[in-house]
Amino acid sequence: MGDADIQLDSPRQFTLAYSSSLSARQRRAIYEGQVRSFLEASEVLEIEEDILDDILDGFEGFDEEPNDDVLGDQGFLTMRNLDYDAAGNVELLLPYGFYVFFGQQEPTAPRWKKQQISAMQTHLKLRGLGSFLKEYVISRATPIPELLCAFNIYLCEELQKKMPRTLLYFLQVILSRELQLRERLSQYSTIQDAVELISSSRRILILSGAGISVSCGIPDFRSRNGLYATLKEKGEYDLDDPQQMFDITYFKENPSVFYSFAQQIYPSNFIPSPCHRFIKLIEDNGQLLRNYTQNIDTLETVVGVRNVLQCHGSFATASCLECRVRVAGSVIEREIMQGQVPLCKACSDSGNTAKKPRKGRRKRGKRQDSEDEEDEPLFPPWIMKPDITFFGEKLTDTFEASLELDRGEADLLLVIGTSLKVAPVSDIITHLPHSVPQILINKTPVKHINPDIILLGDADRIIEHLCEKLDWTLPPAKAGQHLNVEPSSSKKRRSQEPVGPAPKQVSDSHVWLFEGADGGKWLSDFEATHSDGASSSNTAVNVSSPQSPVETPAEGPRGVKKARAS
């Protein structure tokens, strides 16, 4: 469920006041601690620009160094730093360094009964975040600050006054963390364990992202060299924000900007990667429950995968903004490749000229047309748009319906080529029973989940290594052609040499490093806590980091991410 689906019109008011025993300095520290904690959470749950601005509104001096006399080493409050008395005026709580603030007086918080809290937690974990929001925020109209109290989170006075969408973000942060509290299954830790799980499972759920298509020549969106960074660096499309390229309001006002660029990401001649072919192979073996993909390139379909859900839509079909007729994506392929705005043939042939063409409008922050040109007609309203879910568009009901069917059926979860920061795919892992084994295959760690086996590195190389161990042979792929794959039982073991250098196990843990792994600070910290005499002699793997080699990995400055509605 996206923010656009939720209307926050609670008739009841609810306010938590600071304790009168707190000094102004302590109140400021509480305010600062909570702001920093919610922004830290943006590494897990991406945050939209307007919500970020709202959180920081009225928070002067945020970029200054924290006051060490008040804040702890991690930028959060502690009882010691606040110098509270033995009665405990501040209590440290998980997650994300959030704190409950009692002061000398009890807060004016509702006395949630244990059975009510238990019912909330059960609803959340059994039916998911979307259902929880519908029930408690929409149907029951419970004020969000009051709901947060049930999870031991007491918003300070300043944050209680933020706009409804910001309050919803606060709630989603806390609920997401509740759903992510999973203990890894310790019986699985090796590559051989991963091989046996893949071989023996019969209902594999695969979550895939941009990382499986990068080797095909399709850029991802959010990496240092990704699509948004490239758009921002080149600046050739005169966008206030690179994400405007996929904003539905901006598209309706000026579709020519999107179509002048769309050919660069249109899946016309891309060859499916080993990861795509691996998913196809699993399906042909009768082991695929469903592939939930965040990608819009349709390469899963090109390679022949049938049971795939394109969560963010795709170029496979296109619809008219006026009459809503839907056609095959190939119908508008010529216009896309020529950088032209495709129009609906049905509307054009019917002589639908009663409605005036759309007029030039102001973009957010910049003017596209001059004052003299504002009334000049630019294009008719019957524009064809690929069925990609743009920012500001609602998702279909297919996702929730499919997840409801799949969540109790999966016997293995494979996460391939995604950092799981973008809804709705990011929510799937929190809906599955904790007993379902989880394997992560990705270039970088995913910090907010706890997979049973972590395989870091180039996804294609990891898949090829697993196929070597499975005695599976990936079929060749050709652009735009479906693959015919024999069942794995008839495959013969390949006689070629092992693919790439041997992977390296991090100490005696469940983390394995393949060629191209980018562990950053997470890997450095993980190695430090698992360096109990384990051998690290196998250094054949090239583990890259943006700023330093694997021995002393460093992580670049953390930026605040933006949510993707699509």
Protein backbone atom coordinates (compact mmCIF):
# COMPACT_ATOMS: atom_id res chain seq x y z
CA MET A 1 0.00 0.00 0.00
CA GLY A 2 1.35 3.41 -0.91
CA ASP A 3 0.92 6.70 0.92
CA ALA A 4 -1.54 7.77 -1.75
CA ASP A 5 -3.91 5.02 -0.59
CA ILE A 6 -4.14 6.34 2.99
CA GLN A 7 -6.24 9.27 4.15
CA LEU A 8 -5.35 10.47 7.64
CA ASP A 9 -8.41 12.27 8.88
CA SER A 10 -8.59 11.23 12.51
CA PRO A 11 -11.40 13.01 14.41
CA ARG A 12 -9.69 12.33 17.72
CA GLN A 13 -6.82 14.45 18.96
CA PHE A 14 -3.97 12.99 20.94
CA THR A 15 -1.02 14.80 22.48
CA LEU A 16 1.95 13.77 24.56
CA ALA A 17 3.53 16.55 26.59
CA TYR A 18 7.09 16.82 27.88
CA SER A 19 7.49 16.14 31.55
CA SER A 20 7.70 19.36 33.55
CA SER A 21 10.87 18.01 35.16
CA LEU A 22 12.84 18.22 31.92
CA SER A 23 15.06 21.21 31.27
CA ALA A 24 15.04 23.03 27.94
CA ARG A 25 18.40 21.46 27.15
CA GLN A 26 17.08 17.98 27.84
CA ARG A 27 14.01 18.61 25.70
CA ARG A 28 16.22 19.76 22.86
CA ALA A 29 18.31 16.60 23.25
CA ILE A 30 15.18 14.44 23.09
CA TYR A 31 14.00 16.26 19.97
CA GLU A 32 17.40 15.94 18.34
CA GLY A 33 17.72 12.28 19.29
CA GLN A 34 14.39 11.36 17.75
CA VAL A 35 15.04 13.32 14.55
CA ARG A 36 18.41 11.66 14.10
CA SER A 37 16.91 8.25 14.81
CA PHE A 38 14.20 8.62 12.17
CA LEU A 39 16.74 9.84 9.62
CA GLU A 40 18.99 6.89 10.45
CA ALA A 41 15.99 4.70 9.65
CA SER A 42 15.92 6.15 6.12
CA GLU A 43 18.73 3.74 5.28
CA VAL A 44 16.14 0.99 5.62
CA LEU A 45 12.88 2.70 4.65
CA GLU A 46 13.46 5.28 1.95
CA ILE A 47 12.18 8.77 2.60
CA GLU A 48 10.54 11.21 0.21
CA GLU A 49 11.90 14.71 -0.19
CA ASP A 50 8.85 16.50 1.22
CA ILE A 51 8.81 14.26 4.30
CA LEU A 52 12.51 14.91 4.87
CA ASP A 53 11.91 18.65 4.59
CA ASP A 54 9.02 18.40 7.05
CA ILE A 55 11.10 16.49 9.60
CA LEU A 56 13.88 19.08 9.41
CA ASP A 57 11.52 22.07 9.38
CA GLY A 58 12.18 24.04 12.55
CA PHE A 59 15.23 21.95 13.37
CA GLU A 60 17.99 24.49 12.99
CA GLY A 61 21.56 23.37 13.39
CA PHE A 62 20.97 19.78 12.34
CA ASP A 63 24.16 19.71 10.26
CA GLU A 64 26.25 20.77 13.20
CA GLU A 65 28.18 18.19 15.22
CA PRO A 66 26.13 16.61 18.02
CA ASN A 67 26.70 17.92 21.52
CA ASP A 68 28.72 15.14 23.18
CA ASP A 69 27.64 16.33 26.59
CA VAL A 70 24.08 15.41 25.70
CA LEU A 71 24.33 12.82 22.94
CA GLY A 72 26.10 9.49 22.93
CA ASP A 73 28.86 8.28 20.67
CA GLN A 74 26.35 7.22 18.03
CA GLY A 75 24.49 10.52 18.03
CA PHE A 76 21.72 9.14 20.24
CA LEU A 77 20.65 9.86 23.79
CA THR A 78 21.82 7.73 26.69
CA MET A 79 20.99 7.75 30.37
CA ARG A 80 24.62 8.49 31.17
CA ASN A 81 24.91 11.42 28.79
CA LEU A 82 21.65 12.94 29.95
CA ASP A 83 22.74 12.39 33.54
CA TYR A 84 19.31 11.30 34.69
CA ASP A 85 18.74 9.98 38.17
CA ALA A 86 18.56 6.37 39.32
CA ALA A 87 14.77 6.34 38.98
CA GLY A 88 15.33 6.22 35.20
CA ASN A 89 14.11 9.31 33.44
CA VAL A 90 15.27 7.95 30.08
CA GLU A 91 15.04 4.36 28.95
CA LEU A 92 16.94 3.02 25.94
CA LEU A 93 14.74 1.10 23.53
CA LEU A 94 15.08 -0.66 20.20
CA PRO A 95 14.80 -0.06 17.30
CA TYR A 96 17.04 2.52 15.66
CA GLY A 97 18.11 4.06 18.97
CA PHE A 98 14.63 5.38 19.81
CA TYR A 99 13.99 6.31 23.39
CA VAL A 100 11.07 6.53 25.77
CA PHE A 101 11.05 9.71 27.79
CA PHE A 102 9.37 9.52 31.18
CA GLY A 103 10.78 12.34 33.26
CA GLN A 104 9.60 12.56 36.84
CA GLN A 105 5.98 12.22 35.77
CA GLU A 106 4.23 9.53 33.80
CA PRO A 107 3.46 10.63 30.23
CA THR A 108 -0.13 11.23 29.26
CA ALA A 109 -0.02 8.07 27.15
CA PRO A 110 -2.88 5.62 26.76
CA ARG A 111 -2.76 2.56 28.92
CA TRP A 112 -2.70 0.00 26.14
CA LYS A 113 -3.69 -3.36 27.60
CA LYS A 114 -1.42 -6.34 27.02
CA GLN A 115 -4.08 -8.15 25.03
CA GLN A 116 -4.55 -5.10 22.79
CA ILE A 117 -0.82 -4.88 22.09
CA SER A 118 -0.68 -8.62 21.47
CA ALA A 119 -3.59 -8.35 19.03
CA MET A 120 -1.80 -5.53 17.18
CA GLN A 121 1.42 -7.51 16.89
CA THR A 122 -0.44 -10.62 15.73
CA HIS A 123 -2.37 -8.65 13.11
CA LEU A 124 0.84 -7.01 11.89
CA LYS A 125 2.84 -10.23 11.58
CA LEU A 126 0.08 -12.43 10.18
CA ARG A 127 -1.61 -10.01 7.81
CA GLY A 128 1.13 -7.53 7.03
CA LEU A 129 1.80 -3.82 7.23
CA GLY A 130 -0.77 -2.78 4.64
CA SER A 131 -3.60 -4.55 6.43
CA PHE A 132 -2.47 -3.07 9.76
CA LEU A 133 -2.59 0.46 8.38
CA LYS A 134 -6.04 -0.10 6.88
CA GLU A 135 -7.41 -1.45 10.16
CA TYR A 136 -5.86 0.86 12.75
CA VAL A 137 -5.15 4.08 10.84
CA ILE A 138 -8.07 4.15 8.42
CA SER A 139 -10.91 2.07 9.88
CA ARG A 140 -10.34 2.81 13.57
CA ALA A 141 -8.87 6.28 12.91
CA THR A 142 -6.42 5.88 15.78
CA PRO A 143 -4.04 8.88 15.98
CA ILE A 144 -0.56 7.77 14.93
CA PRO A 145 1.21 9.14 18.04
CA GLU A 146 -1.20 7.04 20.11
CA LEU A 147 -0.49 3.93 18.04
CA LEU A 148 3.24 4.45 18.46
CA CYS A 149 2.81 4.35 22.23
CA ALA A 150 1.70 0.72 21.92
CA PHE A 151 5.17 0.00 20.54
CA ASN A 152 6.89 1.98 23.32
CA ILE A 153 7.64 4.96 21.07
CA TYR A 154 6.64 8.34 22.50
CA LEU A 155 6.98 11.13 19.96
CA CYS A 156 8.28 14.42 21.30
CA GLU A 157 5.98 17.41 21.07
CA GLU A 158 7.74 18.85 18.02
CA LEU A 159 7.37 15.69 15.93
CA GLN A 160 3.73 15.18 16.90
CA LYS A 161 2.94 18.38 14.98
CA LYS A 162 4.32 17.20 11.65
CA MET A 163 2.13 16.70 8.59
CA PRO A 164 0.08 13.47 8.31
CA ARG A 165 2.35 11.87 5.70
CA THR A 166 5.35 12.41 7.97
CA LEU A 167 3.53 10.82 10.89
CA LEU A 168 2.70 7.90 8.61
CA TYR A 169 6.41 7.58 7.78
CA PHE A 170 7.22 7.46 11.52
CA LEU A 171 4.69 4.65 11.98
CA GLN A 172 5.95 2.72 8.97
CA VAL A 173 9.51 2.89 10.30
CA ILE A 174 8.48 1.34 13.61
CA LEU A 175 6.16 -1.27 12.12
CA SER A 176 8.76 -2.29 9.53
CA ARG A 177 11.30 -2.83 12.27
CA GLU A 178 8.81 -4.95 14.20
CA LEU A 179 8.34 -7.12 11.12
CA GLN A 180 12.08 -7.46 10.54
CA LEU A 181 12.89 -8.96 13.93
CA ARG A 182 13.85 -12.41 12.67
CA GLU A 183 16.48 -14.76 14.04
CA ARG A 184 18.50 -16.46 11.32
CA LEU A 185 18.31 -20.23 11.03
CA SER A 186 21.72 -21.27 12.33
CA GLN A 187 21.65 -24.72 10.69
CA TYR A 188 22.37 -23.02 7.35
CA SER A 189 25.65 -21.19 6.74
CA THR A 190 27.66 -22.64 3.86
CA ILE A 191 27.49 -22.53 0.07
CA GLN A 192 26.78 -26.26 0.15
CA ASP A 193 23.79 -25.52 2.39
CA ALA A 194 22.57 -23.01 -0.22
CA VAL A 195 23.02 -25.58 -2.98
CA GLU A 196 21.07 -28.23 -1.06
CA LEU A 197 18.28 -25.78 -0.23
CA ILE A 198 17.90 -24.76 -3.87
CA SER A 199 18.04 -28.36 -5.03
CA SER A 200 15.49 -29.70 -2.54
CA SER A 201 12.97 -26.84 -2.37
CA ARG A 202 9.80 -27.08 -4.43
CA ARG A 203 8.16 -23.68 -3.91
CA ILE A 204 10.91 -21.07 -4.24
CA LEU A 205 9.94 -17.42 -3.93
CA ILE A 206 12.39 -15.12 -5.74
CA LEU A 207 12.65 -11.37 -5.13
CA SER A 208 14.72 -9.70 -7.83
CA GLY A 209 15.86 -6.17 -8.55
CA ALA A 210 18.03 -4.05 -10.81
CA GLY A 211 21.17 -5.98 -9.89
CA ILE A 212 20.16 -8.86 -12.19
CA SER A 213 19.89 -6.55 -15.23
CA VAL A 214 22.93 -4.30 -14.85
CA SER A 215 25.13 -6.75 -16.75
CA CYS A 216 22.63 -6.57 -19.63
CA GLY A 217 23.45 -2.89 -20.07
CA ILE A 218 20.38 -1.59 -18.22
CA PRO A 219 21.34 0.92 -15.51
CA ASP A 220 19.99 0.65 -12.01
CA PHE A 221 18.30 3.65 -10.47
CA ARG A 222 20.05 4.54 -7.25
CA SER A 223 23.70 3.52 -7.29
CA ARG A 224 26.59 5.97 -7.61
CA ASN A 225 26.58 5.37 -11.36
CA GLY A 226 22.86 4.69 -11.67
CA LEU A 227 20.15 6.33 -13.68
CA TYR A 228 19.27 9.12 -11.24
CA ALA A 229 22.91 10.06 -10.69
CA THR A 230 23.50 10.17 -14.45
CA LEU A 231 20.42 12.32 -15.08
CA LYS A 232 21.50 14.73 -12.36
CA GLU A 233 25.09 14.91 -13.58
CA LYS A 234 24.24 15.52 -17.23
CA GLY A 235 21.39 17.92 -16.51
CA GLU A 236 20.27 17.74 -20.14
CA TYR A 237 16.59 17.29 -19.34
CA ASP A 238 16.22 20.40 -17.16
CA LEU A 239 14.72 18.51 -14.22
CA ASP A 240 14.47 19.89 -10.70
CA ASP A 241 14.85 16.33 -9.44
CA PRO A 242 15.86 13.24 -11.49
CA GLN A 243 12.82 11.41 -10.15
CA GLN A 244 10.59 13.86 -12.04
CA MET A 245 11.34 11.72 -15.08
CA PHE A 246 8.98 9.14 -13.54
CA ASP A 247 6.49 11.50 -11.86
CA ILE A 248 2.94 11.06 -13.14
CA THR A 249 1.96 14.71 -12.67
CA TYR A 250 4.99 15.93 -14.58
CA PHE A 251 4.46 13.29 -17.26
CA LYS A 252 0.93 14.51 -17.90
CA GLU A 253 2.18 18.09 -18.20
CA ASN A 254 5.16 17.37 -20.41
CA PRO A 255 5.44 13.77 -21.68
CA SER A 256 8.03 14.76 -24.28
CA VAL A 257 10.73 14.81 -21.58
CA PHE A 258 10.12 11.17 -20.67
CA TYR A 259 9.90 10.07 -24.30
CA SER A 260 13.08 11.89 -25.24
CA PHE A 261 14.81 9.59 -22.74
CA ALA A 262 12.75 6.37 -22.73
CA GLN A 263 14.67 4.69 -25.55
CA GLN A 264 17.69 4.44 -23.23
CA ILE A 265 15.85 2.04 -20.93
CA TYR A 266 13.48 0.41 -23.41
CA PRO A 267 14.05 -3.38 -23.41
CA SER A 268 14.36 -3.87 -27.15
CA ASN A 269 17.66 -5.65 -27.75
CA PHE A 270 18.97 -6.54 -24.31
CA ILE A 271 20.15 -10.10 -23.74
CA PRO A 272 18.91 -11.74 -20.51
CA SER A 273 21.59 -12.26 -17.88
CA PRO A 274 22.56 -15.53 -16.17
CA CYS A 275 20.30 -14.46 -13.29
CA HIS A 276 17.26 -14.24 -15.59
CA ARG A 277 18.09 -17.61 -17.09
CA PHE A 278 18.53 -19.10 -13.61
CA ILE A 279 14.99 -18.02 -12.70
CA LYS A 280 13.73 -19.59 -15.93
CA LEU A 281 15.61 -22.78 -15.14
CA ILE A 282 14.08 -22.98 -11.66
CA GLU A 283 10.62 -22.56 -13.15
CA ASP A 284 11.23 -25.24 -15.78
CA ASN A 285 12.33 -27.56 -12.99
CA GLY A 286 8.90 -27.05 -11.39
CA GLN A 287 10.39 -25.27 -8.36
CA LEU A 288 9.30 -21.63 -8.82
CA LEU A 289 6.42 -20.41 -6.68
CA ARG A 290 6.65 -16.87 -8.08
CA ASN A 291 9.19 -14.26 -9.13
CA TYR A 292 8.45 -10.82 -7.71
CA THR A 293 10.55 -8.37 -9.68
CA GLN A 294 11.09 -4.64 -9.22
CA ASN A 295 12.40 -4.33 -12.78
CA ILE A 296 10.48 -2.78 -15.66
CA ASP A 297 12.65 -4.25 -18.42
CA THR A 298 10.50 -7.40 -18.98
CA LEU A 299 13.62 -9.56 -19.39
CA GLU A 300 12.00 -12.22 -17.20
CA THR A 301 9.27 -12.46 -19.84
CA VAL A 302 11.81 -12.36 -22.68
CA VAL A 303 13.63 -15.33 -21.19
CA GLY A 304 10.32 -17.18 -20.87
CA VAL A 305 9.45 -16.97 -17.16
CA ARG A 306 5.68 -17.29 -16.88
CA ASN A 307 5.00 -16.95 -13.16
CA VAL A 308 6.44 -13.47 -12.70
CA LEU A 309 4.86 -10.41 -11.07
CA GLN A 310 6.29 -7.10 -12.27
CA CYS A 311 5.58 -5.12 -9.12
CA HIS A 312 6.42 -1.74 -10.65
CA GLY A 313 4.81 -2.42 -14.02
CA SER A 314 6.71 -2.68 -17.29
CA PHE A 315 6.95 -1.70 -20.95
CA ALA A 316 5.04 -4.87 -21.88
CA THR A 317 1.79 -2.92 -22.24
CA ALA A 318 0.75 0.72 -22.58
CA SER A 319 -2.48 2.58 -21.81
CA CYS A 320 -4.17 5.77 -22.98
CA LEU A 321 -4.44 8.44 -20.29
CA GLU A 322 -7.78 9.51 -21.77
CA CYS A 323 -9.83 6.43 -22.71
CA ARG A 324 -7.70 3.91 -20.72
CA VAL A 325 -7.50 1.46 -23.62
CA ARG A 326 -4.56 -0.95 -23.18
CA VAL A 327 -2.37 -2.20 -26.01
CA ALA A 328 0.79 -4.29 -26.34
CA GLY A 329 3.94 -2.31 -25.64
CA SER A 330 5.20 -3.08 -29.14
CA VAL A 331 2.45 -0.82 -30.54
CA ILE A 332 4.29 2.28 -29.31
CA GLU A 333 7.83 0.92 -29.73
CA ARG A 334 8.52 2.92 -32.91
CA GLU A 335 7.63 6.24 -31.23
CA ILE A 336 9.70 5.35 -28.16
CA MET A 337 12.78 4.57 -30.24
CA GLN A 338 12.33 7.81 -32.19
CA GLY A 339 11.82 9.92 -29.05
CA GLN A 340 8.27 10.87 -30.02
CA VAL A 341 5.16 11.11 -27.85
CA PRO A 342 2.80 8.26 -28.87
CA LEU A 343 -0.90 9.06 -29.12
CA CYS A 344 -3.89 6.78 -28.73
CA LYS A 345 -5.01 5.55 -32.13
CA ALA A 346 -8.53 4.79 -30.87
CA CYS A 347 -9.05 8.36 -29.66
CA SER A 348 -7.47 9.84 -32.77
CA ASP A 349 -9.54 7.69 -35.16
CA SER A 350 -12.78 8.45 -33.33
CA GLY A 351 -12.30 12.16 -33.97
CA ASN A 352 -12.05 12.87 -30.28
CA THR A 353 -11.44 16.55 -30.73
CA ALA A 354 -14.12 17.88 -28.41
CA LYS A 355 -11.60 18.19 -25.62
CA LYS A 356 -8.98 20.82 -25.96
CA PRO A 357 -5.34 19.78 -26.10
CA ARG A 358 -3.35 20.04 -22.90
CA LYS A 359 -1.51 23.28 -22.38
CA GLY A 360 1.95 24.03 -21.16
CA ARG A 361 2.18 24.30 -17.39
CA ARG A 362 4.74 25.13 -14.80
CA LYS A 363 7.00 22.34 -13.67
CA ARG A 364 7.75 22.03 -10.00
CA GLY A 365 10.33 24.69 -9.36
CA LYS A 366 11.08 25.57 -13.00
CA ARG A 367 9.08 26.88 -15.90
CA GLN A 368 9.04 24.77 -19.01
CA ASP A 369 7.33 27.35 -21.22
CA SER A 370 7.49 31.09 -21.32
CA GLU A 371 4.55 33.23 -20.31
CA ASP A 372 3.80 33.93 -23.99
CA GLU A 373 3.76 30.23 -24.80
CA GLU A 374 1.75 29.04 -21.80
CA ASP A 375 -1.55 29.00 -23.66
CA GLU A 376 -0.14 27.32 -26.76
CA PRO A 377 -1.47 23.74 -27.13
CA LEU A 378 1.34 21.23 -26.77
CA PHE A 379 -0.35 17.88 -27.22
CA PRO A 380 -3.80 16.25 -26.99
CA PRO A 381 -4.93 14.53 -23.80
CA TRP A 382 -4.97 11.04 -25.38
CA ILE A 383 -1.31 10.27 -24.66
CA MET A 384 -0.15 6.66 -24.48
CA LYS A 385 1.90 5.80 -21.38
CA PRO A 386 3.81 2.58 -20.72
CA ASP A 387 2.21 0.68 -17.84
CA ILE A 388 5.07 1.51 -15.51
CA THR A 389 3.98 2.62 -12.05
CA PHE A 390 5.11 6.22 -11.82
CA PHE A 391 5.53 8.26 -8.65
CA GLY A 392 2.08 9.31 -7.53
CA GLU A 393 0.28 6.31 -9.04
CA LYS A 394 -1.42 3.61 -7.00
CA LEU A 395 -0.33 0.01 -7.23
CA THR A 396 -2.77 -2.60 -8.45
CA ASP A 397 -4.38 -5.13 -6.13
CA THR A 398 -2.48 -7.96 -7.84
CA PHE A 399 0.52 -7.65 -5.55
CA GLU A 400 -1.36 -8.04 -2.27
CA ALA A 401 -3.54 -10.82 -3.68
CA SER A 402 -0.50 -12.76 -4.90
CA LEU A 403 1.38 -12.30 -1.65
CA GLU A 404 -1.64 -13.52 0.30
CA LEU A 405 -1.54 -16.72 -1.75
CA ASP A 406 2.24 -17.17 -1.62
CA ARG A 407 3.18 -16.29 1.93
CA GLY A 408 2.09 -19.62 3.36
CA GLU A 409 3.35 -21.72 0.45
CA ALA A 410 7.01 -20.69 0.08
CA ASP A 411 9.65 -23.11 1.32
CA LEU A 412 12.68 -21.01 0.28
CA LEU A 413 13.28 -17.30 -0.31
CA LEU A 414 15.94 -16.10 -2.76
CA VAL A 415 16.71 -12.36 -2.78
CA ILE A 416 18.75 -11.54 -5.88
CA GLY A 417 20.13 -8.17 -6.96
CA THR A 418 18.12 -5.86 -4.73
CA SER A 419 18.74 -3.86 -1.56
CA LEU A 420 15.04 -4.19 -0.60
CA LYS A 421 14.52 -0.50 0.01
CA VAL A 422 11.63 0.09 -2.35
CA ALA A 423 8.03 -0.87 -1.63
CA PRO A 424 6.21 -3.09 -2.25
CA VAL A 425 8.92 -5.70 -2.82
CA SER A 426 10.75 -4.55 0.31
CA ASP A 427 7.72 -5.58 2.38
CA ILE A 428 7.52 -9.16 1.12
CA ILE A 429 10.27 -10.53 3.34
CA THR A 430 8.49 -9.26 6.44
CA HIS A 431 5.32 -11.18 5.56
CA LEU A 432 6.88 -14.63 5.29
CA PRO A 433 7.03 -17.11 8.19
CA HIS A 434 10.39 -16.88 9.95
CA SER A 435 10.88 -20.61 9.45
CA VAL A 436 11.32 -20.16 5.68
CA PRO A 437 15.07 -20.22 4.86
CA GLN A 438 16.43 -17.04 3.27
CA ILE A 439 19.41 -16.64 0.90
CA LEU A 440 20.68 -13.20 -0.15
CA ILE A 441 22.61 -12.81 -3.42
CA ASN A 442 23.68 -9.20 -3.87
CA LYS A 443 26.67 -6.96 -4.52
CA THR A 444 26.20 -5.14 -1.21
CA PRO A 445 24.81 -6.15 2.20
CA VAL A 446 21.17 -5.52 3.04
CA LYS A 447 21.44 -4.23 6.56
CA HIS A 448 17.83 -4.42 7.68
CA ILE A 449 17.26 -8.13 7.08
CA ASN A 450 18.84 -11.21 8.64
CA PRO A 451 19.25 -13.86 5.92
CA ASP A 452 20.46 -17.34 6.76
CA ILE A 453 23.12 -17.30 4.02
CA ILE A 454 24.65 -14.15 2.52
CA LEU A 455 26.47 -14.38 -0.82
CA LEU A 456 28.00 -10.99 -1.67
CA GLY A 457 29.42 -10.15 -5.08
CA ASP A 458 28.54 -9.97 -8.74
CA ALA A 459 25.16 -11.71 -8.98
CA ASP A 460 25.89 -13.36 -12.32
CA ARG A 461 29.13 -14.88 -11.04
CA ILE A 462 27.40 -16.16 -7.91
CA ILE A 463 24.62 -17.77 -9.95
CA GLU A 464 27.14 -19.42 -12.25
CA HIS A 465 29.01 -20.77 -9.22
CA LEU A 466 25.81 -22.18 -7.75
CA CYS A 467 24.92 -23.81 -11.07
CA GLU A 468 28.38 -25.39 -11.13
CA LYS A 469 27.67 -26.92 -7.71
CA LEU A 470 24.12 -27.92 -8.69
CA ASP A 471 25.24 -29.68 -11.91
CA TRP A 472 22.95 -27.31 -13.78
CA THR A 473 23.79 -25.76 -17.14
CA LEU A 474 22.44 -22.33 -17.94
CA PRO A 475 21.15 -22.20 -21.52
CA PRO A 476 22.45 -19.57 -23.95
CA ALA A 477 20.30 -16.48 -24.40
CA LYS A 478 19.48 -14.37 -27.42
CA ALA A 479 17.93 -10.92 -27.42
CA GLY A 480 14.15 -11.00 -27.65
CA GLN A 481 13.85 -14.78 -27.84
CA HIS A 482 12.34 -17.16 -25.30
CA LEU A 483 14.47 -20.03 -24.08
CA ASN A 484 13.66 -23.70 -24.28
CA VAL A 485 15.28 -25.42 -21.32
CA GLU A 486 15.41 -29.12 -20.58
CA PRO A 487 14.68 -30.30 -17.01
CA SER A 488 17.80 -30.30 -14.86
CA SER A 489 17.66 -34.05 -14.36
CA SER A 490 18.82 -34.55 -17.94
CA LYS A 491 21.72 -32.15 -17.69
CA LYS A 492 25.26 -33.38 -17.58
CA ARG A 493 27.90 -31.88 -15.39
CA ARG A 494 29.96 -29.31 -17.23
CA SER A 495 33.58 -30.20 -17.76
CA GLN A 496 34.79 -26.63 -17.85
CA GLU A 497 36.84 -25.04 -15.12
CA PRO A 498 35.04 -23.51 -12.09
CA VAL A 499 33.57 -20.08 -12.80
CA GLY A 500 35.74 -17.27 -11.43
CA PRO A 501 37.93 -17.29 -8.32
CA ALA A 502 36.90 -19.30 -5.30
CA PRO A 503 34.60 -17.50 -2.84
CA LYS A 504 35.91 -16.50 0.57
CA GLN A 505 34.06 -17.26 3.80
CA VAL A 506 34.12 -14.45 6.35
CA SER A 507 35.60 -16.16 9.40
CA ASP A 508 33.39 -19.14 10.20
CA SER A 509 30.15 -17.32 9.43
CA HIS A 510 27.24 -17.45 7.00
CA VAL A 511 28.71 -14.64 4.88
CA TRP A 512 30.62 -15.47 1.68
CA LEU A 513 32.46 -13.05 -0.58
CA PHE A 514 32.56 -13.50 -4.34
CA GLU A 515 34.25 -11.44 -7.02
CA GLY A 516 32.92 -7.88 -7.03
CA ALA A 517 31.59 -7.88 -3.45
CA ASP A 518 31.20 -4.40 -1.97
CA GLY A 519 30.95 -4.89 1.78
CA GLY A 520 31.69 -1.36 2.97
CA LYS A 521 31.59 -0.57 6.66
CA TRP A 522 29.08 -3.34 7.31
CA LEU A 523 31.64 -5.95 6.28
CA SER A 524 34.37 -4.29 8.33
CA ASP A 525 32.19 -4.35 11.44
CA PHE A 526 31.06 -7.90 10.75
CA GLU A 527 34.61 -9.15 10.33
CA ALA A 528 35.63 -7.42 13.56
CA THR A 529 32.96 -9.28 15.51
CA HIS A 530 33.73 -12.64 13.86
CA SER A 531 37.53 -12.52 13.87
CA ASP A 532 37.97 -15.22 16.51
CA GLY A 533 41.01 -16.77 14.92
CA ALA A 534 39.32 -17.70 11.67
CA SER A 535 41.59 -18.00 8.69
CA SER A 536 41.50 -15.35 5.99
CA SER A 537 44.21 -16.85 3.83
CA ASN A 538 41.99 -17.16 0.79
CA THR A 539 42.42 -13.72 -0.74
CA ALA A 540 41.74 -14.63 -4.35
CA VAL A 541 38.46 -12.73 -4.37
CA ASN A 542 38.51 -9.07 -5.37
CA VAL A 543 36.23 -7.40 -2.81
CA SER A 544 35.77 -3.79 -3.77
CA SER A 545 34.74 -0.86 -1.63
CA PRO A 546 34.03 2.70 -2.73
CA GLN A 547 36.90 4.08 -0.70
CA SER A 548 39.16 1.27 0.46
CA PRO A 549 40.05 -2.44 0.07
CA VAL A 550 38.39 -5.18 2.07
CA GLU A 551 40.99 -5.22 4.83
CA THR A 552 39.90 -1.75 5.94
CA PRO A 553 36.60 -1.10 4.17
CA ALA A 554 34.99 2.25 4.52
CA GLU A 555 31.57 3.50 3.68
CA GLY A 556 30.94 6.79 1.98
CA PRO A 557 28.75 9.49 3.49
CA ARG A 558 25.24 8.27 3.95
CA GLY A 559 22.71 10.21 1.94
CA VAL A 560 19.01 10.30 2.62
CA LYS A 561 17.22 8.18 0.08
CA LYS A 562 13.97 9.02 -1.64
CA ALA A 563 11.01 6.72 -1.82
CA ARG A 564 9.97 5.28 -5.11
CA ALA A 565 6.25 5.07 -5.60
CA SER A 566 6.60 2.79 -8.57
